[in-house]
Every structure is written in structure tokens, then in C-alpha cells.
Amino acid sequence: MDKHELFVLAIQQVGNIFSSSSEESDDDSEMLELAVCVTDRKEVPRSENYVETVVPLMLSSTFQFILDMISSKLLRQKPGSPTITPKTQLLIAIWKMATPDSYRFDVSQSSALKDVRRVTHSLANLAPLFIVWPGTARASKVMNGFSATSSFPGAIGAIDETHINIPAPHKHPETYVNRKGRHSTQLQAVHNHQCCYILCFVGNVGSVYDQRIFLLSEVYNIIYKVNQNFQMMAI
């Protein structure tokens, strides 16, 4: 007898207990019909061999480039516990960042969370190699690029700020509530004419105004120093 048959039998026995009068027989029948409906539900099939069969069709040279740079940081040596490959860890992290409501990998959510943190930490350590404010020679190329694409002269970057929604923190949650009534942390970013980030500033609570974020950011300090240098040269 399988679990479905046991479930129906249990419902029948419960119905028999309360079937002392004919008036309750209809209710018992409804209970039995409900039990049959419940047991007839089909289980949602899980994606099997998702990493081995589906994912390779979507991988790109960029993915492989990132994997080559961080794979050594993702290797684990933990006795008695199966090691998740660096490739799978990176895939889990990308999937979680893109679709935070679900997982499609054959690992526990606790393991997946550790993988996401490990990958994120590795990527953050590499950020200074790629997110770089342009020097004098590079700045000229960026300004020429903006001028060619938008006819806007003298631009070294495009800046904007966005809110990243987060769960309400345990400490001082009210400070994270933004103007839309959501808990968030803020990200300010500058990119060049090729849409590559050249500066990022993240971590301020959602209630802080955009102007305040700008005054606290590194880009303001850079512009302030440049203006000071121009003023000194003019003198």
C-alpha cells in the first residue's frame, strides 16, 4: 500500500468516526472526494542534469573568462562533504542574481547560499582590475567616444543611481526605507561611452537623497580636485 492509499484510508476512517447520523454522510463523501483529489495531484518534475545538458547551450566566452579568473578561489577541501565544482558555483550565483526566487540546481539552498557568497566575494576582489577611473590618455578616448555617439562634448562618464531592494534589516530598518516605501540600499555608478563601469559607489541606506549620495561619493571628490587644479592653473 503506497502513501496515497494510506492517505485515503485515513480519511475514510476519520469519516467513519463522524458518520453516526445520516445527516453527516454527505460531509463524509465530500471528505473522501477531497482526499481523492489531493492524492491525484501530480508532483512537479524537477530539472535533472540541468547543468550538464541545458547550461552548456547558454555559456559564452565571457562566462569562461570569469570562471578562469575565480575558479581557484572557489575550490574547497572539506572532508566528508561533496565538493561543488567552481563551474556549478558560478552558475548558481548567476542564476540567483538573475532570478532570486528560485533555484534549479541539485544542491541544497544552504549550500547554494554559501556558493553565492563565495562567488560574490571573489568577484568583488577582482573589481579594482576592471572598474578603473580613466587616466589622461584614456579620458581623451572616452570623451571622443561620447562626442561621436551623443554629440555631447567633454563628457568622461554617464552617472546614475538606483535602489537595490533588500529585506528589512534587523537594525534600524526605518533608515532603509526609500521614497517608494521599500527597504533598499543604493548604488551609484559611472560608465564610459562603451557602457563599461569606471566607478561604483554602493552601500548607503535607501532613505538618503541622491544629492547626498553624490556628495559622499568618490566621483564628487575627483571632480572637486580637478576643479581645484584648474583654478590653481588659472591663477
C-alpha atoms as a PDB file:
ATOM      1  CA  MET A   1       0.000   0.000   0.000  1.00  0.00           C
ATOM      2  CA  ASP A   2       1.524   3.296  -1.108  1.00  0.00           C
ATOM      3  CA  LYS A   3       1.283   6.657   0.662  1.00  0.00           C
ATOM      4  CA  HIS A   4      -1.685   7.772  -1.448  1.00  0.00           C
ATOM      5  CA  GLU A   5      -3.725   4.696  -0.498  1.00  0.00           C
ATOM      6  CA  LEU A   6      -2.803   5.196   3.161  1.00  0.00           C
ATOM      7  CA  PHE A   7      -3.968   8.797   2.980  1.00  0.00           C
ATOM      8  CA  VAL A   8      -7.358   7.789   1.503  1.00  0.00           C
ATOM      9  CA  LEU A   9      -7.756   5.060   4.125  1.00  0.00           C
ATOM     10  CA  ALA A  10      -7.049   7.544   6.923  1.00  0.00           C
ATOM     11  CA  ILE A  11      -9.671   9.942   5.567  1.00  0.00           C
ATOM     12  CA  GLN A  12     -12.188   7.092   5.351  1.00  0.00           C
ATOM     13  CA  GLN A  13     -11.546   6.132   8.975  1.00  0.00           C
ATOM     14  CA  VAL A  14     -11.981   9.722  10.099  1.00  0.00           C
ATOM     15  CA  GLY A  15     -15.223   9.840   8.146  1.00  0.00           C
ATOM     16  CA  ASN A  16     -16.471   6.659   9.834  1.00  0.00           C
ATOM     17  CA  ILE A  17     -15.905   8.172  13.264  1.00  0.00           C
ATOM     18  CA  PHE A  18     -18.154  11.138  12.473  1.00  0.00           C
ATOM     19  CA  SER A  19     -20.776   9.186  10.488  1.00  0.00           C
ATOM     20  CA  SER A  20     -23.076   8.486  13.427  1.00  0.00           C
ATOM     21  CA  SER A  21     -26.005  10.189  11.728  1.00  0.00           C
ATOM     22  CA  SER A  22     -27.267  10.150   8.177  1.00  0.00           C
ATOM     23  CA  GLU A  23     -27.020  13.929   8.020  1.00  0.00           C
ATOM     24  CA  GLU A  24     -23.213  13.676   8.228  1.00  0.00           C
ATOM     25  CA  SER A  25     -22.871  11.100   5.464  1.00  0.00           C
ATOM     26  CA  ASP A  26     -22.836  13.750   2.777  1.00  0.00           C
ATOM     27  CA  ASP A  27     -19.987  15.511   4.535  1.00  0.00           C
ATOM     28  CA  ASP A  28     -18.071  12.218   4.689  1.00  0.00           C
ATOM     29  CA  SER A  29     -18.474  11.758   0.953  1.00  0.00           C
ATOM     30  CA  GLU A  30     -17.151  15.253   0.375  1.00  0.00           C
ATOM     31  CA  MET A  31     -14.148  14.479   2.579  1.00  0.00           C
ATOM     32  CA  LEU A  32     -13.438  11.319   0.590  1.00  0.00           C
ATOM     33  CA  GLU A  33     -13.752  13.165  -2.728  1.00  0.00           C
ATOM     34  CA  LEU A  34     -11.360  15.820  -1.415  1.00  0.00           C
ATOM     35  CA  ALA A  35      -8.867  13.147  -0.405  1.00  0.00           C
ATOM     36  CA  VAL A  36      -9.006  11.563  -3.858  1.00  0.00           C
ATOM     37  CA  CYS A  37      -8.482  14.966  -5.486  1.00  0.00           C
ATOM     38  CA  VAL A  38      -5.478  15.641  -3.277  1.00  0.00           C
ATOM     39  CA  THR A  39      -3.889  12.278  -3.983  1.00  0.00           C
ATOM     40  CA  ASP A  40      -4.438  12.701  -7.715  1.00  0.00           C
ATOM     41  CA  ARG A  41      -2.199  15.762  -7.807  1.00  0.00           C
ATOM     42  CA  LYS A  42       0.908  15.230  -9.865  1.00  0.00           C
ATOM     43  CA  GLU A  43       4.298  16.106  -8.471  1.00  0.00           C
ATOM     44  CA  VAL A  44       6.128  18.883 -10.293  1.00  0.00           C
ATOM     45  CA  PRO A  45       9.062  17.309 -12.146  1.00  0.00           C
ATOM     46  CA  ARG A  46      12.486  18.613 -11.239  1.00  0.00           C
ATOM     47  CA  SER A  47      15.070  19.606 -13.786  1.00  0.00           C
ATOM     48  CA  GLU A  48      17.540  16.748 -13.987  1.00  0.00           C
ATOM     49  CA  ASN A  49      21.071  17.189 -15.298  1.00  0.00           C
ATOM     50  CA  TYR A  50      20.315  20.883 -15.833  1.00  0.00           C
ATOM     51  CA  VAL A  51      23.969  21.868 -15.594  1.00  0.00           C
ATOM     52  CA  GLU A  52      25.132  19.059 -17.864  1.00  0.00           C
ATOM     53  CA  THR A  53      22.556  19.378 -20.645  1.00  0.00           C
ATOM     54  CA  VAL A  54      20.895  22.810 -20.701  1.00  0.00           C
ATOM     55  CA  VAL A  55      23.518  25.205 -19.378  1.00  0.00           C
ATOM     56  CA  PRO A  56      26.286  24.444 -21.922  1.00  0.00           C
ATOM     57  CA  LEU A  57      23.968  25.750 -24.649  1.00  0.00           C
ATOM     58  CA  MET A  58      23.921  29.167 -22.960  1.00  0.00           C
ATOM     59  CA  LEU A  59      27.548  29.595 -21.941  1.00  0.00           C
ATOM     60  CA  SER A  60      29.702  32.244 -23.553  1.00  0.00           C
ATOM     61  CA  SER A  61      33.349  33.186 -23.723  1.00  0.00           C
ATOM     62  CA  THR A  62      32.684  35.812 -21.048  1.00  0.00           C
ATOM     63  CA  PHE A  63      31.500  33.124 -18.641  1.00  0.00           C
ATOM     64  CA  GLN A  64      34.628  31.071 -19.286  1.00  0.00           C
ATOM     65  CA  PHE A  65      36.820  34.145 -18.843  1.00  0.00           C
ATOM     66  CA  ILE A  66      35.300  34.854 -15.427  1.00  0.00           C
ATOM     67  CA  LEU A  67      35.456  31.199 -14.416  1.00  0.00           C
ATOM     68  CA  ASP A  68      39.158  31.006 -15.277  1.00  0.00           C
ATOM     69  CA  MET A  69      39.864  34.022 -13.087  1.00  0.00           C
ATOM     70  CA  ILE A  70      37.988  32.905  -9.958  1.00  0.00           C
ATOM     71  CA  SER A  71      37.944  29.103 -10.122  1.00  0.00           C
ATOM     72  CA  SER A  72      40.944  28.756  -7.813  1.00  0.00           C
ATOM     73  CA  LYS A  73      39.098  30.832  -5.191  1.00  0.00           C
ATOM     74  CA  LEU A  74      36.082  28.525  -5.339  1.00  0.00           C
ATOM     75  CA  LEU A  75      37.856  25.239  -4.694  1.00  0.00           C
ATOM     76  CA  ARG A  76      37.025  23.679  -1.356  1.00  0.00           C
ATOM     77  CA  GLN A  77      38.684  20.922   0.614  1.00  0.00           C
ATOM     78  CA  LYS A  78      36.175  19.737   3.203  1.00  0.00           C
ATOM     79  CA  PRO A  79      36.395  16.079   4.302  1.00  0.00           C
ATOM     80  CA  GLY A  80      33.132  14.190   4.246  1.00  0.00           C
ATOM     81  CA  SER A  81      31.306  16.717   2.114  1.00  0.00           C
ATOM     82  CA  PRO A  82      30.931  16.576  -1.684  1.00  0.00           C
ATOM     83  CA  THR A  83      32.654  19.477  -3.384  1.00  0.00           C
ATOM     84  CA  ILE A  84      30.590  21.594  -5.743  1.00  0.00           C
ATOM     85  CA  THR A  85      32.631  22.413  -8.824  1.00  0.00           C
ATOM     86  CA  PRO A  86      33.650  26.043  -9.469  1.00  0.00           C
ATOM     87  CA  LYS A  87      31.629  25.992 -12.685  1.00  0.00           C
ATOM     88  CA  THR A  88      28.454  24.990 -10.883  1.00  0.00           C
ATOM     89  CA  GLN A  89      29.094  27.525  -8.120  1.00  0.00           C
ATOM     90  CA  LEU A  90      29.406  30.321 -10.668  1.00  0.00           C
ATOM     91  CA  LEU A  91      26.246  29.151 -12.458  1.00  0.00           C
ATOM     92  CA  ILE A  92      24.327  29.068  -9.179  1.00  0.00           C
ATOM     93  CA  ALA A  93      25.498  32.584  -8.344  1.00  0.00           C
ATOM     94  CA  ILE A  94      24.483  33.952 -11.750  1.00  0.00           C
ATOM     95  CA  TRP A  95      21.112  32.230 -11.558  1.00  0.00           C
ATOM     96  CA  LYS A  96      20.477  33.554  -8.051  1.00  0.00           C
ATOM     97  CA  MET A  97      21.422  37.094  -9.065  1.00  0.00           C
ATOM     98  CA  ALA A  98      19.104  36.949 -12.084  1.00  0.00           C
ATOM     99  CA  THR A  99      16.162  35.079 -10.526  1.00  0.00           C
ATOM    100  CA  PRO A 100      16.356  35.400  -6.730  1.00  0.00           C
ATOM    101  CA  ASP A 101      13.100  33.497  -6.135  1.00  0.00           C
ATOM    102  CA  SER A 102      14.194  30.056  -7.292  1.00  0.00           C
ATOM    103  CA  TYR A 103      16.981  27.514  -7.704  1.00  0.00           C
ATOM    104  CA  ARG A 104      17.292  24.954 -10.470  1.00  0.00           C
ATOM    105  CA  PHE A 105      20.300  23.028  -9.266  1.00  0.00           C
ATOM    106  CA  ASP A 106      20.640  19.756  -7.411  1.00  0.00           C
ATOM    107  CA  VAL A 107      22.075  21.317  -4.247  1.00  0.00           C
ATOM    108  CA  SER A 108      20.502  22.439  -1.001  1.00  0.00           C
ATOM    109  CA  GLN A 109      19.578  26.080  -0.597  1.00  0.00           C
ATOM    110  CA  SER A 110      22.049  26.447   2.273  1.00  0.00           C
ATOM    111  CA  SER A 111      24.874  25.203   0.044  1.00  0.00           C
ATOM    112  CA  ALA A 112      23.688  27.440  -2.775  1.00  0.00           C
ATOM    113  CA  LEU A 113      23.708  30.460  -0.472  1.00  0.00           C
ATOM    114  CA  LYS A 114      27.317  29.730   0.519  1.00  0.00           C
ATOM    115  CA  ASP A 115      28.237  29.389  -3.155  1.00  0.00           C
ATOM    116  CA  VAL A 116      26.649  32.742  -3.996  1.00  0.00           C
ATOM    117  CA  ARG A 117      28.563  34.442  -1.189  1.00  0.00           C
ATOM    118  CA  ARG A 118      31.821  32.794  -2.223  1.00  0.00           C
ATOM    119  CA  VAL A 119      31.429  33.840  -5.860  1.00  0.00           C
ATOM    120  CA  THR A 120      30.351  37.357  -4.941  1.00  0.00           C
ATOM    121  CA  HIS A 121      33.354  37.805  -2.672  1.00  0.00           C
ATOM    122  CA  SER A 122      35.698  36.560  -5.405  1.00  0.00           C
ATOM    123  CA  LEU A 123      34.193  38.929  -7.977  1.00  0.00           C
ATOM    124  CA  ALA A 124      34.378  41.869  -5.569  1.00  0.00           C
ATOM    125  CA  ASN A 125      38.093  41.251  -5.099  1.00  0.00           C
ATOM    126  CA  LEU A 126      38.581  41.440  -8.878  1.00  0.00           C
ATOM    127  CA  ALA A 127      36.586  44.661  -9.269  1.00  0.00           C
ATOM    128  CA  PRO A 128      39.591  47.036  -8.959  1.00  0.00           C
ATOM    129  CA  LEU A 129      41.161  45.383 -12.007  1.00  0.00           C
ATOM    130  CA  PHE A 130      38.226  46.274 -14.252  1.00  0.00           C
ATOM    131  CA  ILE A 131      36.367  49.195 -12.681  1.00  0.00           C
ATOM    132  CA  VAL A 132      39.031  51.865 -13.127  1.00  0.00           C
ATOM    133  CA  TRP A 133      38.760  55.617 -13.466  1.00  0.00           C
ATOM    134  CA  PRO A 134      40.402  56.591 -16.792  1.00  0.00           C
ATOM    135  CA  GLY A 135      43.771  58.283 -16.824  1.00  0.00           C
ATOM    136  CA  THR A 136      44.665  61.192 -19.070  1.00  0.00           C
ATOM    137  CA  ALA A 137      45.132  59.197 -22.290  1.00  0.00           C
ATOM    138  CA  ARG A 138      42.082  57.020 -21.711  1.00  0.00           C
ATOM    139  CA  ALA A 139      39.971  60.030 -20.732  1.00  0.00           C
ATOM    140  CA  SER A 140      40.547  61.591 -24.150  1.00  0.00           C
ATOM    141  CA  LYS A 141      39.294  58.439 -25.852  1.00  0.00           C
ATOM    142  CA  VAL A 142      36.213  58.359 -23.635  1.00  0.00           C
ATOM    143  CA  MET A 143      35.382  61.997 -24.368  1.00  0.00           C
ATOM    144  CA  ASN A 144      35.812  61.414 -28.096  1.00  0.00           C
ATOM    145  CA  GLY A 145      33.576  58.374 -27.835  1.00  0.00           C
ATOM    146  CA  PHE A 146      30.784  60.299 -26.099  1.00  0.00           C
ATOM    147  CA  SER A 147      31.127  63.119 -28.616  1.00  0.00           C
ATOM    148  CA  ALA A 148      30.810  60.697 -31.529  1.00  0.00           C
ATOM    149  CA  THR A 149      27.797  58.838 -30.164  1.00  0.00           C
ATOM    150  CA  SER A 150      25.839  61.647 -28.490  1.00  0.00           C
ATOM    151  CA  SER A 151      27.382  64.897 -29.755  1.00  0.00           C
ATOM    152  CA  PHE A 152      27.966  65.814 -26.113  1.00  0.00           C
ATOM    153  CA  PRO A 153      31.481  67.259 -25.803  1.00  0.00           C
ATOM    154  CA  GLY A 154      33.829  66.879 -22.853  1.00  0.00           C
ATOM    155  CA  ALA A 155      31.925  64.014 -21.167  1.00  0.00           C
ATOM    156  CA  ILE A 156      34.059  61.492 -19.316  1.00  0.00           C
ATOM    157  CA  GLY A 157      31.188  59.384 -17.998  1.00  0.00           C
ATOM    158  CA  ALA A 158      27.462  58.955 -17.533  1.00  0.00           C
ATOM    159  CA  ILE A 159      26.286  58.759 -13.914  1.00  0.00           C
ATOM    160  CA  ASP A 160      23.100  57.410 -12.380  1.00  0.00           C
ATOM    161  CA  GLU A 161      21.861  55.967  -9.121  1.00  0.00           C
ATOM    162  CA  THR A 162      19.482  53.109  -8.376  1.00  0.00           C
ATOM    163  CA  HIS A 163      17.936  51.362  -5.384  1.00  0.00           C
ATOM    164  CA  ILE A 164      18.549  47.685  -4.711  1.00  0.00           C
ATOM    165  CA  ASN A 165      15.585  46.184  -2.848  1.00  0.00           C
ATOM    166  CA  ILE A 166      16.510  44.219   0.288  1.00  0.00           C
ATOM    167  CA  PRO A 167      14.626  42.521   3.142  1.00  0.00           C
ATOM    168  CA  ALA A 168      14.067  44.752   6.163  1.00  0.00           C
ATOM    169  CA  PRO A 169      17.282  44.696   8.252  1.00  0.00           C
ATOM    170  CA  HIS A 170      17.097  43.806  11.933  1.00  0.00           C
ATOM    171  CA  LYS A 171      18.871  47.002  12.991  1.00  0.00           C
ATOM    172  CA  HIS A 172      17.374  50.396  12.187  1.00  0.00           C
ATOM    173  CA  PRO A 173      15.104  49.155   9.366  1.00  0.00           C
ATOM    174  CA  GLU A 174      13.432  52.571   9.118  1.00  0.00           C
ATOM    175  CA  THR A 175      16.616  54.143   7.727  1.00  0.00           C
ATOM    176  CA  TYR A 176      16.492  51.802   4.716  1.00  0.00           C
ATOM    177  CA  VAL A 177      13.002  52.836   3.598  1.00  0.00           C
ATOM    178  CA  ASN A 178      13.223  54.759   0.315  1.00  0.00           C
ATOM    179  CA  ARG A 179      10.778  57.211  -1.225  1.00  0.00           C
ATOM    180  CA  LYS A 180       8.727  54.338  -2.638  1.00  0.00           C
ATOM    181  CA  GLY A 181       8.260  52.813   0.793  1.00  0.00           C
ATOM    182  CA  ARG A 182      10.606  49.884   0.171  1.00  0.00           C
ATOM    183  CA  HIS A 183      13.713  48.811   2.044  1.00  0.00           C
ATOM    184  CA  SER A 184      16.764  49.286  -0.138  1.00  0.00           C
ATOM    185  CA  THR A 185      20.446  50.061  -0.363  1.00  0.00           C
ATOM    186  CA  GLN A 186      21.720  52.443  -3.003  1.00  0.00           C
ATOM    187  CA  LEU A 187      24.116  52.039  -5.911  1.00  0.00           C
ATOM    188  CA  GLN A 188      25.702  54.925  -7.778  1.00  0.00           C
ATOM    189  CA  ALA A 189      27.603  54.039 -10.936  1.00  0.00           C
ATOM    190  CA  VAL A 190      29.502  55.831 -13.701  1.00  0.00           C
ATOM    191  CA  HIS A 191      30.113  54.229 -17.093  1.00  0.00           C
ATOM    192  CA  ASN A 192      32.033  55.260 -20.170  1.00  0.00           C
ATOM    193  CA  HIS A 193      30.908  55.538 -23.797  1.00  0.00           C
ATOM    194  CA  GLN A 194      31.126  51.746 -24.142  1.00  0.00           C
ATOM    195  CA  CYS A 195      28.810  51.187 -21.150  1.00  0.00           C
ATOM    196  CA  CYS A 196      31.677  49.810 -19.057  1.00  0.00           C
ATOM    197  CA  TYR A 197      31.694  50.788 -15.406  1.00  0.00           C
ATOM    198  CA  ILE A 198      34.522  53.102 -14.410  1.00  0.00           C
ATOM    199  CA  LEU A 199      33.318  53.867 -10.878  1.00  0.00           C
ATOM    200  CA  CYS A 200      30.837  52.325  -8.415  1.00  0.00           C
ATOM    201  CA  PHE A 201      29.686  53.552  -5.031  1.00  0.00           C
ATOM    202  CA  VAL A 202      27.326  51.318  -3.075  1.00  0.00           C
ATOM    203  CA  GLY A 203      26.056  50.804   0.447  1.00  0.00           C
ATOM    204  CA  ASN A 204      24.139  53.892   1.526  1.00  0.00           C
ATOM    205  CA  VAL A 205      20.719  53.334   3.068  1.00  0.00           C
ATOM    206  CA  GLY A 206      17.647  53.872   0.947  1.00  0.00           C
ATOM    207  CA  SER A 207      16.426  56.963   2.795  1.00  0.00           C
ATOM    208  CA  VAL A 208      19.438  59.077   1.762  1.00  0.00           C
ATOM    209  CA  TYR A 209      18.740  61.611  -1.002  1.00  0.00           C
ATOM    210  CA  ASP A 210      20.517  61.404  -4.368  1.00  0.00           C
ATOM    211  CA  GLN A 211      22.327  64.701  -3.777  1.00  0.00           C
ATOM    212  CA  ARG A 212      23.744  63.410  -0.501  1.00  0.00           C
ATOM    213  CA  ILE A 213      24.892  60.218  -2.208  1.00  0.00           C
ATOM    214  CA  PHE A 214      26.718  62.299  -4.804  1.00  0.00           C
ATOM    215  CA  LEU A 215      28.448  64.435  -2.159  1.00  0.00           C
ATOM    216  CA  LEU A 216      29.618  61.306  -0.339  1.00  0.00           C
ATOM    217  CA  SER A 217      30.845  59.518  -3.444  1.00  0.00           C
ATOM    218  CA  GLU A 218      34.337  59.327  -4.853  1.00  0.00           C
ATOM    219  CA  VAL A 219      33.277  60.926  -8.117  1.00  0.00           C
ATOM    220  CA  TYR A 220      32.495  64.156  -6.267  1.00  0.00           C
ATOM    221  CA  ASN A 221      35.982  64.156  -4.745  1.00  0.00           C
ATOM    222  CA  ILE A 222      37.510  63.586  -8.180  1.00  0.00           C
ATOM    223  CA  ILE A 223      35.558  66.455  -9.733  1.00  0.00           C
ATOM    224  CA  TYR A 224      36.335  68.718  -6.774  1.00  0.00           C
ATOM    225  CA  LYS A 225      40.076  68.057  -7.063  1.00  0.00           C
ATOM    226  CA  VAL A 226      40.015  68.619 -10.834  1.00  0.00           C
ATOM    227  CA  ASN A 227      38.270  71.960 -10.356  1.00  0.00           C
ATOM    228  CA  GLN A 228      40.812  72.965  -7.745  1.00  0.00           C
ATOM    229  CA  ASN A 229      43.652  72.127 -10.121  1.00  0.00           C
ATOM    230  CA  PHE A 230      42.073  74.205 -12.895  1.00  0.00           C
ATOM    231  CA  GLN A 231      41.639  77.127 -10.526  1.00  0.00           C
ATOM    232  CA  MET A 232      45.265  76.928  -9.433  1.00  0.00           C
ATOM    233  CA  MET A 233      46.411  76.792 -13.066  1.00  0.00           C
ATOM    234  CA  ALA A 234      44.272  79.831 -13.869  1.00  0.00           C
ATOM    235  CA  ILE A 235      45.935  81.796 -11.070  1.00  0.00           C
END
